[in-house]
Protein backbone atom coordinates (compact mmCIF):
# COMPACT_ATOMS: atom_id res chain seq x y z
CA MET A 1 -65.57 -11.75 41.31
CA ILE A 2 -65.37 -11.41 37.55
CA ASN A 3 -63.53 -8.09 37.87
CA THR A 4 -61.10 -9.61 40.39
CA ALA A 5 -60.38 -12.58 38.14
CA ARG A 6 -59.89 -10.30 35.16
CA THR A 7 -57.49 -8.15 37.19
CA ASP A 8 -55.48 -11.22 38.23
CA ILE A 9 -55.26 -12.39 34.62
CA TYR A 10 -54.02 -9.01 33.46
CA ALA A 11 -51.51 -8.88 36.31
CA ASN A 12 -50.14 -12.31 35.39
CA LEU A 13 -49.94 -11.34 31.72
CA GLN A 14 -48.07 -8.17 32.59
CA ILE A 15 -45.57 -10.08 34.72
CA ALA A 16 -45.07 -12.71 32.01
CA LEU A 17 -44.54 -10.05 29.35
CA ALA A 18 -42.04 -8.20 31.52
CA GLN A 19 -40.12 -11.42 32.11
CA MET A 20 -40.16 -12.23 28.40
CA SER A 21 -38.78 -8.77 27.62
CA ALA A 22 -36.01 -9.20 30.19
CA ALA A 23 -35.14 -12.64 28.85
CA THR A 24 -34.99 -11.31 25.28
CA VAL A 25 -32.57 -8.56 26.18
CA LEU A 26 -30.41 -10.82 28.35
CA ILE A 27 -30.25 -13.45 25.59
CA PHE A 28 -29.28 -10.74 23.11
CA LEU A 29 -26.48 -9.55 25.38
CA ALA A 30 -25.30 -13.12 26.01
CA VAL A 31 -25.18 -13.92 22.31
CA PHE A 32 -23.28 -10.70 21.67
CA ALA A 33 -20.79 -11.55 24.40
CA LEU A 34 -20.24 -15.06 23.05
CA CYS A 35 -19.83 -13.84 19.50
CA ALA A 36 -17.52 -11.04 20.52
CA GLN A 37 -14.43 -13.22 20.78
CA SER A 38 -12.06 -12.93 17.87
CA PRO A 39 -11.24 -16.26 16.14
CA ASN A 40 -7.83 -14.98 15.03
CA ILE A 41 -5.94 -15.43 18.30
CA SER A 42 -2.43 -16.72 17.82
CA ALA A 43 -1.50 -16.91 21.49
CA HIS A 44 -3.16 -16.23 24.82
CA ASP A 45 -2.83 -16.72 28.54
CA GLU A 46 -5.31 -16.38 31.37
CA ASN A 47 -5.48 -12.58 31.39
CA THR A 48 -4.05 -11.53 28.00
CA LEU A 49 -4.96 -12.14 24.37
CA THR A 50 -2.15 -11.71 21.86
CA ILE A 51 -3.36 -11.12 18.30
CA ALA A 52 -0.81 -11.81 15.58
CA GLU A 53 -3.14 -11.06 12.67
CA ALA A 54 -6.90 -10.41 12.45
CA GLN A 55 -8.90 -9.94 9.26
CA GLY A 56 -11.82 -8.30 11.07
CA GLU A 57 -12.76 -6.71 14.35
CA VAL A 58 -11.17 -7.82 17.63
CA TYR A 59 -13.38 -7.98 20.73
CA SER A 60 -12.46 -8.91 24.28
CA PHE A 61 -14.24 -9.06 27.64
CA GLY A 62 -12.28 -8.87 30.88
CA LYS A 63 -8.84 -9.43 29.31
CA ASN A 64 -5.97 -7.33 28.04
CA VAL A 65 -5.37 -7.35 24.29
CA ILE A 66 -2.06 -7.03 22.46
CA ILE A 67 -2.22 -6.30 18.72
CA LYS A 68 1.07 -7.34 17.13
CA GLY A 69 -0.04 -7.42 13.49
CA ASN A 70 -2.96 -5.88 11.66
CA ALA A 71 -6.58 -5.54 12.81
CA LYS A 72 -9.62 -3.81 11.38
CA GLY A 73 -10.75 -2.49 14.76
CA VAL A 74 -10.43 -3.19 18.49
CA LEU A 75 -13.03 -3.13 21.26
CA VAL A 76 -12.03 -4.12 24.81
CA PHE A 77 -14.26 -4.30 27.91
CA GLY A 78 -12.50 -4.38 31.29
CA GLY A 79 -8.92 -4.56 30.04
CA ASP A 80 -6.11 -2.66 28.36
CA ALA A 81 -5.38 -2.50 24.64
CA VAL A 82 -1.70 -2.53 23.65
CA ILE A 83 -1.21 -1.60 19.99
CA GLU A 84 2.13 -2.76 18.58
CA GLY A 85 1.03 -3.21 14.96
CA THR A 86 -1.57 -1.50 12.76
CA VAL A 87 -5.27 -0.88 13.36
CA ASP A 88 -7.20 0.29 10.30
CA GLY A 89 -10.27 1.43 12.24
CA ASP A 90 -11.19 2.58 15.71
CA VAL A 91 -9.76 1.44 19.03
CA ALA A 92 -12.20 1.61 21.95
CA VAL A 93 -11.70 0.56 25.56
CA ILE A 94 -14.19 0.55 28.44
CA GLY A 95 -12.63 0.15 31.87
CA GLY A 96 -9.02 0.19 30.74
CA SER A 97 -6.33 2.16 28.90
CA ILE A 98 -4.84 2.21 25.41
CA PHE A 99 -1.08 1.91 24.98
CA GLN A 100 0.30 2.74 21.53
CA LYS A 101 3.87 1.70 20.80
CA GLU A 102 6.21 4.04 18.93
CA THR A 103 5.97 2.16 15.60
CA ALA A 104 2.26 1.32 15.92
CA SER A 105 -0.40 2.98 13.80
CA ILE A 106 -4.08 3.72 14.50
CA SER A 107 -6.10 5.02 11.55
CA GLY A 108 -9.42 5.53 13.33
CA ASP A 109 -10.69 7.18 16.49
CA VAL A 110 -9.39 6.43 19.99
CA ILE A 111 -12.26 6.14 22.48
CA ILE A 112 -11.71 5.44 26.19
CA PHE A 113 -14.22 5.22 29.08
CA GLY A 114 -12.55 4.80 32.45
CA GLY A 115 -8.89 4.90 31.50
CA ALA A 116 -6.22 6.89 29.67
CA TYR A 117 -4.38 7.09 26.35
CA HIS A 118 -0.62 6.38 26.56
CA PRO A 119 1.29 6.79 23.28
CA GLU A 120 5.05 6.12 23.48
CA SER A 121 5.82 8.72 20.84
CA LYS A 122 5.13 12.43 21.24
CA THR A 123 3.75 12.34 17.69
CA PRO A 124 1.97 8.96 17.46
CA LEU A 125 1.09 7.55 14.06
CA ARG A 126 -2.54 8.66 13.86
CA ASN A 127 -4.93 10.02 11.26
CA VAL A 128 -5.05 13.74 12.02
CA GLU A 129 -8.72 13.89 11.04
CA LYS A 130 -9.73 11.37 13.70
CA GLU A 131 -10.69 12.12 17.29
CA THR A 132 -9.35 11.11 20.70
CA ILE A 133 -12.15 10.83 23.27
CA VAL A 134 -11.22 10.06 26.88
CA PHE A 135 -13.52 9.83 29.92
CA ALA A 136 -11.11 9.02 32.75
CA VAL A 137 -13.67 7.93 35.36
CA PHE A 138 -14.77 4.64 36.98
CA GLU A 139 -11.86 2.60 35.59
CA GLU A 140 -11.83 0.10 38.45
CA GLU A 141 -15.61 -0.16 38.51
CA PHE A 142 -15.79 -0.95 34.78
CA ARG A 143 -12.92 -3.42 35.04
CA ASN A 144 -14.42 -5.24 38.02
CA LEU A 145 -17.83 -5.33 36.38
CA THR A 146 -16.57 -6.98 33.19
CA GLN A 147 -14.39 -9.46 35.07
CA ASN A 148 -17.20 -10.37 37.47
CA PRO A 149 -20.49 -9.63 35.67
CA SER A 150 -22.61 -11.33 38.35
CA GLN A 151 -22.07 -8.39 40.72
CA ILE A 152 -24.37 -6.26 38.59
CA PHE A 153 -27.28 -8.53 39.55
CA SER A 154 -26.37 -8.70 43.24
CA PRO A 155 -24.74 -5.46 44.47
CA SER A 156 -23.15 -5.49 47.91
CA PHE A 157 -25.20 -3.83 50.67
CA THR A 158 -23.05 -1.14 52.29
CA LEU A 159 -23.56 2.25 53.90
CA GLY A 160 -22.49 3.85 50.64
CA PHE A 161 -25.08 1.82 48.75
CA LEU A 162 -27.78 2.86 51.25
CA ALA A 163 -26.77 6.53 51.03
CA GLN A 164 -26.86 6.35 47.25
CA ARG A 165 -30.39 4.93 47.32
CA VAL A 166 -31.56 7.68 49.67
CA LEU A 167 -30.16 10.30 47.29
CA LEU A 168 -31.84 8.57 44.34
CA LEU A 169 -35.13 8.59 46.22
CA LEU A 170 -34.85 12.32 46.82
CA PHE A 171 -33.73 12.92 43.22
CA TRP A 172 -36.69 11.09 41.67
CA PHE A 173 -39.13 12.66 44.13
CA ILE A 174 -37.95 16.15 43.09
CA ILE A 175 -38.04 15.21 39.39
CA SER A 176 -41.56 13.83 39.80
CA LEU A 177 -42.69 16.93 41.68
CA ALA A 178 -41.25 19.21 38.99
CA LEU A 179 -42.63 17.25 36.04
CA THR A 180 -46.13 16.93 37.50
CA THR A 181 -46.09 20.67 38.12
CA ILE A 182 -44.88 21.55 34.62
CA ALA A 183 -46.99 19.02 32.68
CA PRO A 184 -49.81 17.74 34.89
CA GLY A 185 -52.05 16.94 31.91
CA ALA A 186 -49.48 14.76 30.17
CA ILE A 187 -48.73 12.83 33.37
CA SER A 188 -52.44 12.34 34.09
CA ARG A 189 -53.08 10.99 30.58
CA ALA A 190 -50.10 8.65 30.88
CA VAL A 191 -51.33 7.33 34.24
CA ALA A 192 -54.82 6.78 32.84
CA GLN A 193 -53.39 5.07 29.74
CA PHE A 194 -51.31 2.70 31.85
CA GLN A 195 -54.20 1.82 34.15
CA LEU A 196 -56.61 1.21 31.26
CA SER A 197 -54.31 -0.81 28.96
CA ALA A 198 -51.13 -1.80 30.78
CA LEU A 199 -50.63 -4.88 28.60
CA LYS A 200 -50.75 -2.78 25.44
CA VAL A 201 -48.23 -0.33 26.92
CA PHE A 202 -45.81 -3.14 27.83
CA ALA A 203 -46.20 -4.76 24.42
CA PHE A 204 -45.54 -1.57 22.43
CA GLY A 205 -42.65 -0.63 24.70
CA SER A 206 -40.99 -4.06 24.47
CA VAL A 207 -41.24 -4.12 20.68
CA GLY A 208 -40.01 -0.53 20.44
CA PHE A 209 -37.05 -1.25 22.73
CA ILE A 210 -35.99 -4.31 20.72
CA ILE A 211 -36.36 -2.40 17.43
CA THR A 212 -34.24 0.44 18.83
CA ILE A 213 -31.45 -2.00 19.79
CA VAL A 214 -31.59 -3.70 16.38
CA VAL A 215 -31.46 -0.35 14.54
CA VAL A 216 -28.49 0.85 16.60
CA MET A 217 -26.55 -2.40 16.11
CA SER A 218 -27.37 -2.49 12.39
CA SER A 219 -26.29 1.11 11.87
CA LEU A 220 -22.92 0.24 13.42
CA SER A 221 -22.30 -2.28 10.62
CA PHE A 222 -23.84 -0.55 7.60
CA LEU A 223 -23.74 3.22 8.12
CA PRO A 224 -20.82 5.69 8.09
CA ASN A 225 -19.45 6.78 11.44
CA TYR A 226 -21.04 10.23 11.42
CA VAL A 227 -24.48 8.80 10.58
CA TYR A 228 -24.06 6.06 13.19
CA THR A 229 -23.20 8.69 15.80
CA VAL A 230 -26.41 10.60 15.01
CA VAL A 231 -28.48 7.40 15.21
CA VAL A 232 -26.97 6.46 18.59
CA LEU A 233 -27.52 9.97 19.93
CA MET A 234 -31.15 9.99 18.78
CA ALA A 235 -31.78 6.56 20.33
CA PHE A 236 -30.14 7.63 23.59
CA VAL A 237 -32.20 10.83 23.82
CA LEU A 238 -35.41 8.91 23.00
CA LEU A 239 -34.76 6.29 25.69
CA LEU A 240 -33.63 8.87 28.26
CA LEU A 241 -36.61 11.18 27.84
CA SER A 242 -39.11 8.33 27.69
CA PHE A 243 -37.51 6.76 30.79
CA VAL A 244 -37.84 9.97 32.82
CA PHE A 245 -41.42 10.61 31.67
CA GLY A 246 -42.46 6.98 32.06
CA ARG A 247 -40.91 6.53 35.48
CA VAL A 248 -42.64 9.63 36.82
CA ALA A 249 -45.97 8.42 35.42
CA LEU A 250 -45.48 4.96 36.93
CA GLN A 251 -44.47 6.44 40.27
CA VAL A 252 -47.65 8.51 40.30
CA SER A 253 -49.73 5.47 39.35
CA VAL A 254 -48.20 3.19 41.97
CA GLY A 255 -48.23 5.89 44.64
CA LYS A 256 -51.92 6.63 44.10
CA GLN A 257 -52.88 2.96 44.21
CA ILE A 258 -50.98 2.33 47.47
CA GLN A 259 -52.20 5.59 48.99
CA LYS A 260 -55.80 4.69 48.17
CA ARG A 261 -55.46 1.39 50.06
CA LEU A 262 -53.45 2.58 53.07
CA LEU A 263 -54.52 6.13 53.81
CA PRO A 264 -57.96 7.58 54.53
CA GLU A 265 -59.35 9.82 51.83
CA HIS A 266 -58.92 13.08 53.77
CA LYS A 267 -55.17 12.41 54.18
CA GLN A 268 -54.46 11.56 50.54
CA SER A 269 -52.45 14.04 48.47
CA GLU A 270 -50.43 14.24 45.29
CA THR A 271 -47.23 14.80 47.26
CA TYR A 272 -47.72 11.66 49.33
CA ALA A 273 -48.42 9.68 46.14
CA LEU A 274 -45.19 10.93 44.55
CA LEU A 275 -43.16 10.10 47.66
CA ILE A 276 -44.68 6.62 47.98
CA GLY A 277 -44.19 5.88 44.28
CA SER A 278 -40.59 7.09 44.34
CA PHE A 279 -39.88 4.92 47.38
CA VAL A 280 -41.44 1.79 45.84
CA TRP A 281 -39.56 2.05 42.55
CA THR A 282 -36.28 2.91 44.28
CA LEU A 283 -36.75 -0.15 46.48
CA LEU A 284 -37.57 -2.43 43.52
CA LEU A 285 -34.48 -1.20 41.66
CA SER A 286 -32.30 -1.94 44.71
CA ILE A 287 -33.23 -5.59 45.32
CA PRO A 288 -30.52 -8.01 44.09
CA TYR A 289 -31.43 -9.86 40.87
CA LEU A 290 -35.00 -8.55 40.93
CA TRP A 291 -33.82 -5.06 39.99
CA THR A 292 -32.75 -6.28 36.53
CA PHE A 293 -36.28 -7.36 35.63
CA ALA A 294 -37.75 -4.28 37.28
CA LEU A 295 -35.49 -2.01 35.21
CA ILE A 296 -36.32 -3.74 31.93
CA ALA A 297 -40.04 -3.63 32.76
CA LEU A 298 -39.69 0.06 33.62
CA ILE A 299 -37.92 0.83 30.34
CA ALA A 300 -40.53 -1.11 28.35
CA ALA A 301 -43.44 0.58 30.12
CA SER A 302 -41.85 4.04 29.78
CA LEU A 303 -41.24 3.65 26.06
CA GLY A 304 -44.69 2.16 25.65
CA LEU A 305 -46.32 5.18 27.31
CA VAL A 306 -44.55 7.47 24.84
CA LEU A 307 -45.45 5.32 21.81
CA THR A 308 -49.11 5.01 22.82
CA ALA A 309 -49.54 8.62 23.93
CA ARG A 310 -52.53 10.41 22.46
CA SER A 311 -52.34 13.96 21.20
CA THR A 312 -55.10 16.44 21.99
CA ASN A 313 -54.43 18.33 18.70
CA GLY A 314 -54.74 21.57 20.64
CA TRP A 315 -52.42 23.38 18.24
CA GLN A 316 -54.76 22.60 15.33
CA LYS A 317 -57.73 24.11 17.17
CA ALA A 318 -55.72 27.18 18.00
């Protein structure tokens, strides 16, 4: 009875911590979105912001932006950026295109995800040392997402959505199978660490995730562009590798626990555990609204497993 009560307490604490982590990140994103509206708007309509003059950065979500005067930099989510004046820094658009008029000038980089770059002049007024980066994919998806953010929490259930989840299940099953074959010791230690001190893993991961976000956002304001790029790349690689390693470890942990309760001992196997764990996490990450909290909990636990990992110091003995 005491062990059962202790297990229930730890389970409730883990759920509460995961929810607190999700709330922290969502509040951070909400504050950023609210603060990302430029106060120097001279005219606007329902779908377009017209900027006559801006002393600082110009941000917009789900609307087109027209820069008629001077701006320090421009960042647009889910809309187009039309540059008629002068931009001293970078112009970045996600889910839209950049249109540069013949007399307009852009001194920084041009960065586009899901759109295209359309200068009126064959030789636009640009700094020759700056870059033009264009990823012309998912323009409509990015635009729809920024104009209707609620769809990210409740995706529509279609045959395409179901097929995508089946492919994800197979993908993560193969990744899990490969990683447990290549590094069985590391996965076993991670599973044991999570089962012994799950609350500690969530706590370290949540704090590490928040610190990573703060460092990345701070470097954007205080560090040169080339240093900021390195910091972002390092943070991305850290989160990506920890996510893959952590998800595989959690899939193994969940799969073994379910297998132990549902299957007789002579039918239990590592392959079944991987398949069950992959299915459970794919299902959790497909449920509307719930998937957001599941993803944040997964990221926190994955990062926590990396931060709390113990080294065997085998290289020192060798």
